[in-house]
Protein backbone atom coordinates (compact mmCIF):
# COMPACT_ATOMS: atom_id res chain seq x y z
CA MET A 1 0.11 0.08 -0.36
CA LEU A 2 2.75 2.21 0.96
CA ARG A 3 4.90 1.66 -2.59
CA SER A 4 2.22 3.03 -4.70
CA LEU A 5 2.05 6.11 -2.60
CA PHE A 6 5.53 6.73 -2.71
CA ALA A 7 5.41 6.00 -6.25
CA GLY A 8 2.73 8.51 -6.72
CA VAL A 9 4.61 10.83 -4.84
CA SER A 10 7.57 10.36 -7.28
CA GLY A 11 5.87 10.95 -10.03
CA LEU A 12 4.27 14.08 -8.67
CA ARG A 13 8.22 15.57 -7.48
CA ASN A 14 9.44 14.97 -10.80
CA HIS A 15 6.64 15.80 -13.04
CA GLN A 16 7.05 19.17 -10.94
CA VAL A 17 10.80 19.27 -12.36
CA ARG A 18 9.81 18.83 -15.69
CA MET A 19 7.40 21.61 -15.19
CA ASP A 20 9.90 23.83 -13.94
CA VAL A 21 12.31 23.19 -16.90
CA ILE A 22 9.44 23.74 -19.52
CA GLY A 23 8.50 27.25 -17.24
CA ASN A 24 11.92 28.09 -17.87
CA ASN A 25 12.33 27.56 -21.32
CA ILE A 26 9.23 29.64 -21.74
CA ALA A 27 10.39 32.77 -19.34
CA ASN A 28 13.01 33.02 -21.61
CA VAL A 29 11.79 32.50 -24.94
CA ASN A 30 12.83 35.89 -26.16
CA THR A 31 16.62 35.90 -24.40
CA VAL A 32 19.39 36.24 -26.56
CA ALA A 33 20.83 32.62 -28.01
CA PHE A 34 18.99 30.71 -24.97
CA LYS A 35 19.66 27.46 -25.30
CA ALA A 36 16.51 24.78 -24.21
CA GLY A 37 16.40 22.63 -21.68
CA ARG A 38 14.77 18.85 -21.63
CA VAL A 39 14.19 16.35 -18.84
CA THR A 40 13.68 12.80 -19.37
CA PHE A 41 12.80 10.35 -16.62
CA LYS A 42 13.95 7.11 -15.59
CA GLU A 43 12.60 4.31 -13.75
CA GLY A 44 13.54 4.15 -9.75
CA PHE A 45 14.78 1.30 -7.78
CA ALA A 46 12.75 -2.03 -8.04
CA GLN A 47 12.20 -4.28 -5.22
CA LEU A 48 12.88 -7.69 -5.70
CA LEU A 49 10.46 -9.95 -4.55
CA GLN A 50 11.60 -13.34 -6.12
CA GLY A 51 14.44 -14.19 -7.96
CA ALA A 52 14.45 -15.73 -11.41
CA SER A 53 15.10 -19.18 -11.64
CA ARG A 54 16.61 -21.80 -14.04
CA PRO A 55 14.04 -23.85 -16.41
CA PRO A 56 14.44 -27.50 -14.65
CA GLY A 57 14.27 -30.16 -17.49
CA ASP A 58 10.50 -31.17 -16.96
CA GLN A 59 9.42 -27.56 -16.96
CA GLY A 60 9.90 -23.78 -17.52
CA GLY A 61 11.90 -21.07 -15.42
CA ILE A 62 10.50 -18.63 -13.53
CA ASN A 63 10.77 -14.82 -14.56
CA PRO A 64 12.13 -12.71 -11.11
CA ILE A 65 8.98 -10.80 -9.40
CA GLN A 66 9.97 -7.23 -8.94
CA ILE A 67 7.63 -4.45 -7.57
CA GLY A 68 8.72 -0.79 -9.24
CA LEU A 69 9.21 2.08 -6.38
CA GLY A 70 8.63 4.98 -8.72
CA MET A 71 10.60 7.00 -11.06
CA GLN A 72 13.55 9.41 -11.07
CA ILE A 73 14.83 12.25 -13.31
CA GLY A 74 16.76 10.86 -16.07
CA SER A 75 18.68 14.17 -17.22
CA ILE A 76 18.38 17.53 -18.10
CA ASP A 77 19.50 18.21 -21.38
CA GLN A 78 20.42 21.66 -22.99
CA ILE A 79 19.39 21.68 -26.55
CA PHE A 80 22.28 23.05 -28.47
CA ASN A 81 20.31 23.40 -32.00
CA GLN A 82 21.02 26.35 -33.65
CA GLY A 83 18.84 29.86 -33.06
CA ASN A 84 17.28 31.96 -35.70
CA ILE A 85 19.21 35.05 -36.71
CA GLU A 86 17.54 38.26 -35.83
CA SER A 87 18.80 41.29 -37.69
CA THR A 88 19.73 44.35 -35.54
CA GLY A 89 21.80 46.88 -37.53
CA LEU A 90 23.90 47.25 -34.83
CA GLY A 91 27.48 46.98 -35.46
CA THR A 92 28.53 45.43 -32.06
CA ASP A 93 26.02 42.52 -32.19
CA LEU A 94 27.25 39.29 -33.41
CA ALA A 95 25.56 35.93 -34.36
CA ILE A 96 27.20 32.89 -34.45
CA GLN A 97 26.20 30.25 -36.99
CA GLY A 98 27.41 26.92 -35.60
CA ASP A 99 28.38 25.29 -32.70
CA SER A 100 30.96 27.79 -31.37
CA LEU A 101 30.91 30.05 -28.35
CA PHE A 102 32.93 33.37 -27.61
CA VAL A 103 35.21 33.82 -25.10
CA VAL A 104 34.57 36.34 -22.49
CA ARG A 105 36.95 36.73 -19.26
CA LYS A 106 36.77 38.28 -16.38
CA GLY A 107 40.23 38.67 -14.56
CA ASN A 108 41.90 35.38 -15.45
CA GLN A 109 38.86 33.10 -15.25
CA SER A 110 37.61 32.53 -18.56
CA PHE A 111 33.80 32.11 -19.88
CA TYR A 112 31.59 31.13 -22.64
CA THR A 113 28.44 32.57 -24.18
CA ARG A 114 26.79 32.49 -27.45
CA SER A 115 25.03 35.98 -26.72
CA GLY A 116 26.70 38.17 -28.90
CA ASN A 117 24.78 41.47 -27.86
CA PHE A 118 28.27 43.35 -26.98
CA GLN A 119 29.11 46.75 -26.52
CA VAL A 120 32.17 49.42 -26.12
CA ASP A 121 32.88 50.47 -22.50
CA ALA A 122 34.75 53.70 -21.49
CA LEU A 123 37.70 52.27 -22.05
CA GLY A 124 37.18 50.92 -25.78
CA GLN A 125 37.01 47.15 -24.71
CA LEU A 126 34.19 44.95 -26.55
CA VAL A 127 32.14 43.40 -23.39
CA SER A 128 29.26 41.66 -22.24
CA PRO A 129 26.79 44.37 -21.38
CA THR A 130 25.12 41.34 -18.78
CA ASN A 131 28.45 41.59 -16.43
CA GLY A 132 31.05 43.66 -18.08
CA PHE A 133 33.39 40.54 -19.17
CA VAL A 134 35.73 41.40 -21.89
CA VAL A 135 35.60 39.77 -25.31
CA GLN A 136 38.57 37.70 -26.11
CA GLY A 137 40.71 37.83 -29.29
CA ARG A 138 44.14 38.64 -30.72
CA VAL A 139 45.01 41.97 -31.65
CA TYR A 140 46.73 44.17 -34.04
CA ASP A 141 49.53 46.70 -33.41
CA ASN A 142 50.19 48.93 -36.56
CA GLY A 143 48.64 46.39 -38.77
CA ILE A 144 50.54 43.31 -37.19
CA LEU A 145 49.14 40.64 -35.39
CA GLN A 146 50.20 39.99 -31.89
CA ASP A 147 50.61 36.66 -30.61
CA GLY A 148 48.72 35.58 -27.69
CA ILE A 149 44.61 35.74 -26.72
CA GLN A 150 44.03 38.99 -24.81
CA ASP A 151 41.32 41.69 -24.26
CA ILE A 152 39.70 42.99 -27.38
CA ARG A 153 40.03 46.90 -27.04
CA LEU A 154 39.19 49.29 -29.82
CA PRO A 155 41.34 52.09 -29.69
CA PHE A 156 38.88 55.52 -30.21
CA GLY A 157 41.27 58.08 -30.73
CA GLN A 158 44.03 56.28 -31.97
CA LYS A 159 46.16 57.77 -34.63
CA VAL A 160 47.35 56.28 -37.90
CA SER A 161 50.52 57.84 -39.01
CA ALA A 162 50.80 59.90 -42.41
CA LYS A 163 52.02 57.97 -45.76
CA PRO A 164 53.90 60.47 -47.90
CA THR A 165 53.05 60.02 -51.67
CA SER A 166 55.35 58.01 -53.94
CA GLU A 167 53.30 57.30 -56.88
CA VAL A 168 50.41 58.76 -58.79
CA THR A 169 48.27 57.67 -61.43
CA LEU A 170 46.56 59.50 -64.20
CA ALA A 171 43.89 58.58 -66.59
CA GLY A 172 41.29 60.71 -68.62
CA ASN A 173 40.90 61.80 -72.07
CA LEU A 174 42.60 63.96 -74.40
CA ASN A 175 40.21 65.56 -77.05
CA ALA A 176 41.07 64.51 -80.27
CA SER A 177 39.27 67.14 -82.36
CA ALA A 178 41.21 69.95 -80.18
CA PRO A 179 43.19 72.61 -82.39
CA ASN A 180 47.19 72.17 -82.05
CA PHE A 181 47.98 75.08 -79.36
CA GLN A 182 49.34 78.08 -80.91
CA GLY A 183 52.16 80.38 -79.22
CA ASP A 184 54.30 79.97 -76.27
CA PHE A 185 52.24 77.70 -73.63
CA ASN A 186 54.18 79.07 -70.41
CA ASP A 187 53.21 82.50 -71.62
CA PRO A 188 49.66 83.48 -69.38
CA LEU A 189 48.78 85.63 -72.33
CA ASP A 190 48.96 83.23 -74.99
CA ARG A 191 47.34 80.43 -72.70
CA ALA A 192 44.23 82.76 -72.65
CA LEU A 193 43.78 83.06 -76.33
CA PRO A 194 40.34 81.65 -77.18
CA ILE A 195 41.52 79.57 -79.57
CA ASN A 196 43.84 77.85 -77.16
CA GLU A 197 41.31 77.29 -74.73
CA ARG A 198 40.26 74.04 -76.12
CA ALA A 199 43.89 72.88 -76.90
CA TRP A 200 45.23 72.63 -73.45
CA THR A 201 44.38 70.94 -69.98
CA GLU A 202 45.59 71.64 -66.37
CA THR A 203 45.01 69.02 -63.75
CA GLN A 204 46.06 69.59 -59.85
CA ILE A 205 47.39 66.35 -58.05
CA ALA A 206 46.84 66.65 -54.59
CA VAL A 207 49.98 64.64 -52.34
CA TYR A 208 50.96 64.38 -49.13
CA ASP A 209 54.80 65.15 -47.27
CA SER A 210 56.06 62.47 -44.53
CA GLN A 211 53.94 64.68 -41.93
CA GLY A 212 50.88 64.29 -43.86
CA THR A 213 50.55 67.91 -45.39
CA LYS A 214 48.64 68.26 -48.39
CA HIS A 215 50.40 69.82 -51.61
CA ASP A 216 48.93 70.36 -54.90
CA VAL A 217 51.00 69.62 -58.01
CA LYS A 218 49.86 70.75 -61.45
CA ILE A 219 50.23 68.71 -64.62
CA GLN A 220 50.04 70.91 -67.86
CA MET A 221 49.27 69.29 -71.26
CA TRP A 222 48.75 71.05 -74.59
CA LYS A 223 48.41 69.79 -78.10
CA THR A 224 51.34 70.10 -80.20
CA GLY A 225 50.20 68.17 -83.29
CA ALA A 226 47.81 65.24 -84.96
CA ASN A 227 48.66 62.62 -82.37
CA GLU A 228 51.15 64.32 -80.30
CA TRP A 229 50.73 66.43 -77.03
CA GLN A 230 53.29 68.19 -74.70
CA TRP A 231 53.14 67.79 -70.86
CA GLN A 232 54.91 69.41 -68.21
CA LEU A 233 54.75 69.09 -63.80
CA ASP A 234 54.77 72.13 -61.99
CA PRO A 235 55.79 71.26 -58.34
CA MET A 236 55.27 75.15 -57.36
CA THR A 237 52.58 73.84 -54.66
CA SER A 238 51.06 76.41 -52.09
CA ALA A 239 52.18 75.91 -48.36
CA THR A 240 50.95 78.93 -46.50
CA ARG A 241 49.52 82.51 -46.73
CA GLN A 242 50.44 85.48 -45.30
CA SER A 243 48.58 88.70 -45.71
CA PHE A 244 50.31 92.33 -44.88
CA GLU A 245 48.62 95.92 -44.85
CA THR A 246 50.42 98.41 -47.02
CA GLY A 247 49.71 101.13 -44.23
CA ALA A 248 50.06 104.67 -45.81
CA ASP A 249 50.53 105.48 -49.20
CA PRO A 250 51.60 102.25 -51.05
CA THR A 251 52.77 103.92 -53.88
CA THR A 252 55.40 105.81 -51.95
CA ASN A 253 55.95 103.32 -49.18
CA PRO A 254 56.87 99.87 -50.59
CA ALA A 255 55.49 96.85 -48.59
CA LEU A 256 58.41 94.72 -46.92
CA LEU A 257 57.44 90.89 -46.92
CA SER A 258 58.80 88.24 -44.43
CA ALA A 259 61.31 86.19 -45.78
CA PRO A 260 60.17 82.47 -46.46
CA PRO A 261 61.57 79.74 -44.58
CA ALA A 262 63.70 77.81 -46.12
CA GLY A 263 62.57 75.23 -49.20
CA TYR A 264 59.82 78.21 -50.41
CA GLU A 265 60.71 80.90 -52.56
CA ILE A 266 57.60 83.87 -53.51
CA LEU A 267 57.04 84.64 -57.13
CA PRO A 268 55.44 87.53 -58.26
CA ALA A 269 52.61 85.61 -59.84
CA ASN A 270 51.78 84.84 -56.03
CA VAL A 271 51.53 88.28 -54.81
CA ARG A 272 48.00 89.47 -54.80
CA VAL A 273 47.03 93.16 -54.07
CA THR A 274 43.12 93.84 -52.83
CA SER A 275 41.39 96.84 -51.59
CA PRO A 276 38.36 96.52 -49.37
CA THR A 277 36.56 98.46 -52.10
CA GLY A 278 36.67 95.72 -54.66
CA ALA A 279 39.68 97.03 -56.61
CA SER A 280 42.03 94.45 -57.21
CA TYR A 281 45.72 94.87 -58.68
CA GLU A 282 46.95 91.20 -59.38
CA SER A 283 49.08 92.35 -62.67
CA PRO A 284 52.51 92.87 -62.25
CA ALA A 285 52.16 96.12 -64.13
CA ALA A 286 50.71 97.55 -61.29
CA TRP A 287 53.95 96.85 -58.95
CA SER A 288 57.57 95.71 -59.37
CA PHE A 289 59.07 92.67 -57.29
CA SER A 290 62.52 92.89 -56.02
CA ALA A 291 63.68 89.36 -54.64
CA GLY A 292 66.18 88.88 -51.39
CA PRO A 293 65.72 88.11 -47.82
CA PRO A 294 63.13 90.04 -47.05
CA PRO A 295 61.37 90.53 -50.60
CA GLN A 296 60.11 93.90 -51.26
CA ILE A 297 57.12 95.13 -53.07
CA ASP A 298 57.51 98.71 -55.09
CA PHE A 299 53.92 99.94 -56.59
CA THR A 300 54.26 101.59 -59.72
CA ALA A 301 50.43 102.55 -60.12
CA SER A 302 48.18 104.39 -57.82
CA MET A 303 46.21 102.52 -55.74
CA PRO A 304 43.95 103.10 -52.42
CA ALA A 305 45.62 103.54 -49.27
CA ASP A 306 43.51 100.79 -47.58
CA ALA A 307 45.01 98.06 -49.99
CA ALA A 308 46.06 94.84 -48.68
CA ILE A 309 48.89 92.41 -49.76
CA GLU A 310 48.41 88.74 -49.63
CA VAL A 311 51.21 86.62 -50.27
CA SER A 312 51.42 82.31 -50.85
CA TYR A 313 54.72 80.76 -50.43
CA PHE A 314 55.46 78.31 -53.07
CA MET A 315 57.84 75.23 -52.70
CA SER A 316 61.10 75.27 -55.32
CA PRO A 317 61.79 72.32 -57.05
CA THR A 318 64.92 70.45 -56.30
CA SER A 319 65.38 68.19 -59.19
CA ALA A 320 68.36 68.80 -60.94
CA ASP A 321 67.23 67.52 -64.15
CA PRO A 322 64.52 69.78 -65.89
CA GLY A 323 63.86 67.15 -68.42
CA VAL A 324 62.07 64.83 -65.93
CA ASN A 325 59.13 67.29 -65.11
CA THR A 326 58.25 67.94 -68.88
CA GLY A 327 58.06 65.96 -72.13
CA THR A 328 55.87 64.49 -75.12
CA PHE A 329 53.72 61.70 -75.52
CA THR A 330 52.21 60.23 -78.84
CA PHE A 331 48.83 58.69 -79.51
CA ASP A 332 48.12 55.69 -82.12
CA PRO A 333 45.21 56.16 -84.61
CA THR A 334 42.92 53.99 -82.27
CA GLY A 335 43.31 57.02 -79.70
CA ILE A 336 45.66 55.07 -77.51
CA MET A 337 49.00 55.99 -76.17
CA THR A 338 51.95 54.20 -77.84
CA THR A 339 54.21 54.22 -74.68
CA ASN A 340 53.79 54.63 -70.86
CA ILE A 341 55.35 57.49 -69.18
CA THR A 342 56.36 57.79 -65.57
CA ALA A 343 57.71 61.48 -64.55
CA GLY A 344 59.16 62.40 -61.54
CA ILE A 345 58.85 65.57 -59.51
CA ASP A 346 61.01 66.02 -56.13
CA PHE A 347 60.61 69.27 -54.10
CA ALA A 348 62.11 70.25 -50.68
CA VAL A 349 59.47 70.72 -47.69
CA PRO A 350 60.57 72.38 -44.39
CA GLY A 351 60.30 70.24 -41.31
CA ALA A 352 59.74 66.88 -43.67
CA ASN A 353 61.23 64.08 -46.04
CA PRO A 354 61.41 65.95 -49.76
CA VAL A 355 58.95 64.85 -51.62
CA GLN A 356 59.38 62.63 -54.12
CA VAL A 357 56.64 61.27 -56.52
CA ASN A 358 56.65 59.25 -59.48
CA VAL A 359 53.55 60.23 -61.71
CA LYS A 360 52.41 57.69 -64.02
CA LEU A 361 51.00 58.69 -67.44
CA ASN A 362 49.83 55.09 -68.68
CA GLY A 363 47.89 54.26 -72.17
CA GLY A 364 45.25 52.07 -72.40
CA VAL A 365 41.49 52.33 -72.48
CA ASN A 366 41.78 52.97 -68.36
CA GLY A 367 44.65 55.24 -69.08
CA LEU A 368 45.08 58.59 -71.01
CA THR A 369 43.58 58.28 -74.09
CA GLN A 370 42.69 60.53 -77.14
CA PHE A 371 39.37 60.11 -78.32
CA ALA A 372 36.81 62.84 -80.11
CA SER A 373 35.09 64.63 -77.11
CA THR A 374 33.90 67.91 -76.06
CA SER A 375 36.39 68.40 -73.63
CA SER A 376 39.89 67.41 -72.45
CA THR A 377 40.78 66.52 -68.99
CA ALA A 378 43.30 64.47 -67.33
CA VAL A 379 41.82 63.21 -63.74
CA LEU A 380 44.18 61.89 -60.73
CA ARG A 381 42.71 57.90 -60.76
CA ASP A 382 45.25 56.76 -57.80
CA GLN A 383 47.86 57.85 -55.48
CA ASP A 384 49.00 56.23 -52.62
CA GLY A 385 49.57 58.81 -49.94
CA TYR A 386 47.13 60.16 -47.26
CA THR A 387 47.48 62.41 -44.15
CA ALA A 388 47.33 61.20 -40.52
CA GLY A 389 44.08 60.61 -39.17
CA SER A 390 42.40 59.09 -36.05
CA LEU A 391 39.78 55.98 -35.86
CA GLN A 392 36.54 56.75 -36.57
CA ASN A 393 34.43 53.93 -36.89
CA PHE A 394 35.00 49.90 -37.09
CA SER A 395 33.23 46.68 -38.58
CA ILE A 396 33.06 43.12 -37.93
CA ASP A 397 33.39 40.75 -40.73
CA ARG A 398 32.14 37.14 -40.94
CA PHE A 399 35.76 35.96 -40.21
CA GLY A 400 35.62 37.75 -36.74
CA LEU A 401 38.22 40.70 -38.25
CA ILE A 402 37.72 43.95 -36.36
CA THR A 403 38.52 46.77 -39.21
CA GLY A 404 39.16 50.37 -38.15
CA PHE A 405 37.84 53.33 -40.25
CA PHE A 406 40.10 55.99 -39.85
CA THR A 407 39.31 60.02 -40.67
CA ASN A 408 42.07 59.76 -43.44
CA GLY A 409 40.02 57.50 -45.33
CA THR A 410 42.35 54.56 -44.81
CA THR A 411 41.54 51.35 -42.66
CA SER A 412 43.43 49.11 -40.71
CA PRO A 413 42.98 45.62 -38.82
CA LEU A 414 42.36 46.36 -34.92
CA GLY A 415 41.56 42.60 -33.96
CA LYS A 416 40.37 39.39 -34.32
CA ILE A 417 37.64 37.74 -32.23
CA VAL A 418 38.09 34.27 -30.94
CA LEU A 419 35.82 31.33 -30.53
CA ALA A 420 35.75 28.10 -28.45
CA ASP A 421 34.58 24.94 -29.67
CA PHE A 422 33.88 21.87 -27.09
CA ASN A 423 33.31 18.14 -27.58
CA ASN A 424 30.55 18.43 -25.74
CA PRO A 425 28.83 21.95 -25.64
CA ALA A 426 25.81 20.23 -23.85
CA GLY A 427 28.10 19.48 -21.04
CA LEU A 428 28.64 22.92 -19.96
CA LEU A 429 27.84 24.49 -16.75
CA ARG A 430 25.49 27.08 -16.69
CA VAL A 431 26.47 30.15 -14.54
CA GLY A 432 23.74 32.86 -15.10
CA ASP A 433 23.97 35.90 -17.38
CA ASN A 434 23.96 33.39 -20.56
CA MET A 435 27.48 32.14 -19.36
CA TYR A 436 29.11 28.69 -19.46
CA GLN A 437 31.90 27.11 -17.93
CA GLU A 438 33.48 24.12 -18.63
CA SER A 439 32.67 20.89 -16.75
CA ALA A 440 34.17 17.50 -16.27
CA ASN A 441 32.20 16.48 -19.44
CA SER A 442 32.27 19.37 -21.69
CA GLY A 443 36.14 19.13 -22.62
CA SER A 444 38.55 21.95 -22.89
CA GLY A 445 37.63 24.70 -25.30
CA VAL A 446 39.78 24.45 -28.31
CA LEU A 447 40.36 28.12 -29.79
CA GLY A 448 40.23 29.18 -33.12
CA PHE A 449 38.78 31.71 -35.21
CA ALA A 450 35.65 31.68 -37.66
CA LEU A 451 36.13 29.54 -40.59
CA GLU A 452 39.89 29.16 -39.66
CA GLY A 453 39.96 26.46 -37.17
CA SER A 454 36.33 26.64 -36.38
CA GLN A 455 33.66 26.08 -38.53
CA SER A 456 31.34 28.26 -37.05
CA GLN A 457 31.19 32.09 -38.73
CA LEU A 458 30.01 35.34 -37.69
CA THR A 459 27.10 37.43 -38.89
CA SER A 460 27.46 41.15 -37.72
CA GLY A 461 24.53 43.73 -36.92
CA ALA A 462 22.27 40.34 -35.78
CA LEU A 463 22.01 38.30 -32.79
CA GLU A 464 20.93 34.53 -32.32
CA MET A 465 17.04 34.26 -30.97
CA SER A 466 16.32 31.86 -28.13
CA ASN A 467 15.88 28.24 -29.60
CA VAL A 468 12.81 27.78 -27.39
CA ASP A 469 10.05 25.96 -29.70
CA LEU A 470 6.63 27.47 -27.98
CA ALA A 471 4.41 24.85 -29.65
CA GLN A 472 6.51 21.83 -28.13
CA GLU A 473 6.94 23.41 -24.91
CA PHE A 474 2.94 23.66 -24.44
CA THR A 475 2.55 20.40 -25.98
CA SER A 476 5.28 19.28 -23.24
CA MET A 477 3.41 21.31 -20.80
CA ILE A 478 0.07 19.56 -21.04
CA VAL A 479 1.59 16.01 -21.13
CA ALA A 480 3.56 17.35 -17.53
CA GLN A 481 0.16 18.28 -16.21
CA ARG A 482 -1.37 15.11 -17.07
CA GLY A 483 1.34 13.27 -15.61
CA PHE A 484 1.18 15.07 -12.37
CA GLN A 485 -2.85 14.66 -12.24
CA ALA A 486 -2.37 11.16 -12.93
CA ASN A 487 0.16 10.42 -10.21
CA GLY A 488 -1.74 12.67 -8.01
CA LYS A 489 -4.95 10.37 -8.29
CA VAL A 490 -2.68 7.53 -7.36
CA VAL A 491 -2.02 9.03 -4.19
CA SER A 492 -5.25 10.11 -3.72
CA THR A 493 -6.85 6.45 -4.23
CA ALA A 494 -3.76 4.89 -1.98
CA ASP A 495 -4.95 7.48 0.64
CA GLU A 496 -8.43 6.15 0.10
CA MET A 497 -7.48 2.31 0.61
CA LEU A 498 -5.09 3.34 3.87
CA GLN A 499 -8.63 4.93 4.99
CA GLU A 500 -10.77 1.63 4.22
CA LEU A 501 -7.69 -0.38 6.53
CA MET A 502 -7.86 2.10 9.19
CA GLY A 503 -11.67 1.33 9.26
CA ILE A 504 -11.54 -2.69 9.41
CA LYS A 505 -11.41 -2.31 13.06
CA ARG A 506 -14.06 0.00 14.58
């Protein structure tokens, strides 16, 4: 009598455990990367009333006689099936497609998680928002991957040094229908003739020195024959400007200018005289220029007393070979350049290394061509220099590579997120906050990178959803409820039988 009572109680107790697991699953239906649990039962201890006997020669054997004493929890399993991927658009959100886990660390203690809703803290560390544990990986220093697994830190405010320009490539089309240039190209008056406006083109090329300062170099081209063009590089790139007031009557008081720094010079064409009334005196006919430290400007024409002088410092070429800055190139009848040309330009920069640039004038349809067009233009296709910059933003690809985007338009790798694989991920120990730890039956984590040592891959801007199946959970809830009711009926019936037993003696 009591055996049935205790068997029913064991059923009540363990179906309640199953209901607890189902309730936990449903409660975490929207928990990021939650893995559902499952309860399995096993038969409890069975009491042996009579053992089995071998069959004698003239009759059959007898089976053992046992009475079960209820049921027990067989296992509570973690279902590590892949959850659906939900797009969030947040760059620090990561979803794992595969069986791997992220590695996070608190001090010297490692934890593992499938939840990739990471954030950047005040120190630039990539952390789990639930507890501040830091995501682990390998970091880059100046583009070089460092050894050892360590905290992922995004160095906001980090500077990337400037790279001086060493190579420039030009492309574009020169108008085959343009007339030949007439006159002296180096004479500004000849270049202003209407017929010459269609016969020449000028392009400014931005180059950078070793400090990241930008300088504009001009390349000028003018047509000299049916399929022939002349070109020249002008290395006089503007560096800085200074303004000087003329003071009293500028026609009698020459303006003294500060001497330019080493490597620079002031050319007469780079001195502009203006007045607030709108009058402009840019023509050298209005003044005469005398070089020397400091330069001096003598005005030969009358102008207002409130005139102002604006001076541009320009760099001087240091190349000893003038032929390296000028030349001729030709086109074949199809409009393709017959030879590739590499022009050189070399000029000094105060406080920085000299700028030495190779300017490539290449043929082919992706280089310089001569086709019939309404205009002639040569444009900068590519140059390998850039100024200094600081980290502005970052992105994470499917390999876990964190790439930084800098304000100067360059990119650089910052780190690589590491993943851990386990022989038995269901054997991991839950410790709360969506975190796991190794257990005796999970095995040790094998570290690797997404699609490199690990078969998993990452999806940036997305999160893994809970793998709880509500339909399955509600069905399991009905089964657990009915099992609980049935075991409750066993207990109540056994109680009634005990009452009848107690009523035999009245």
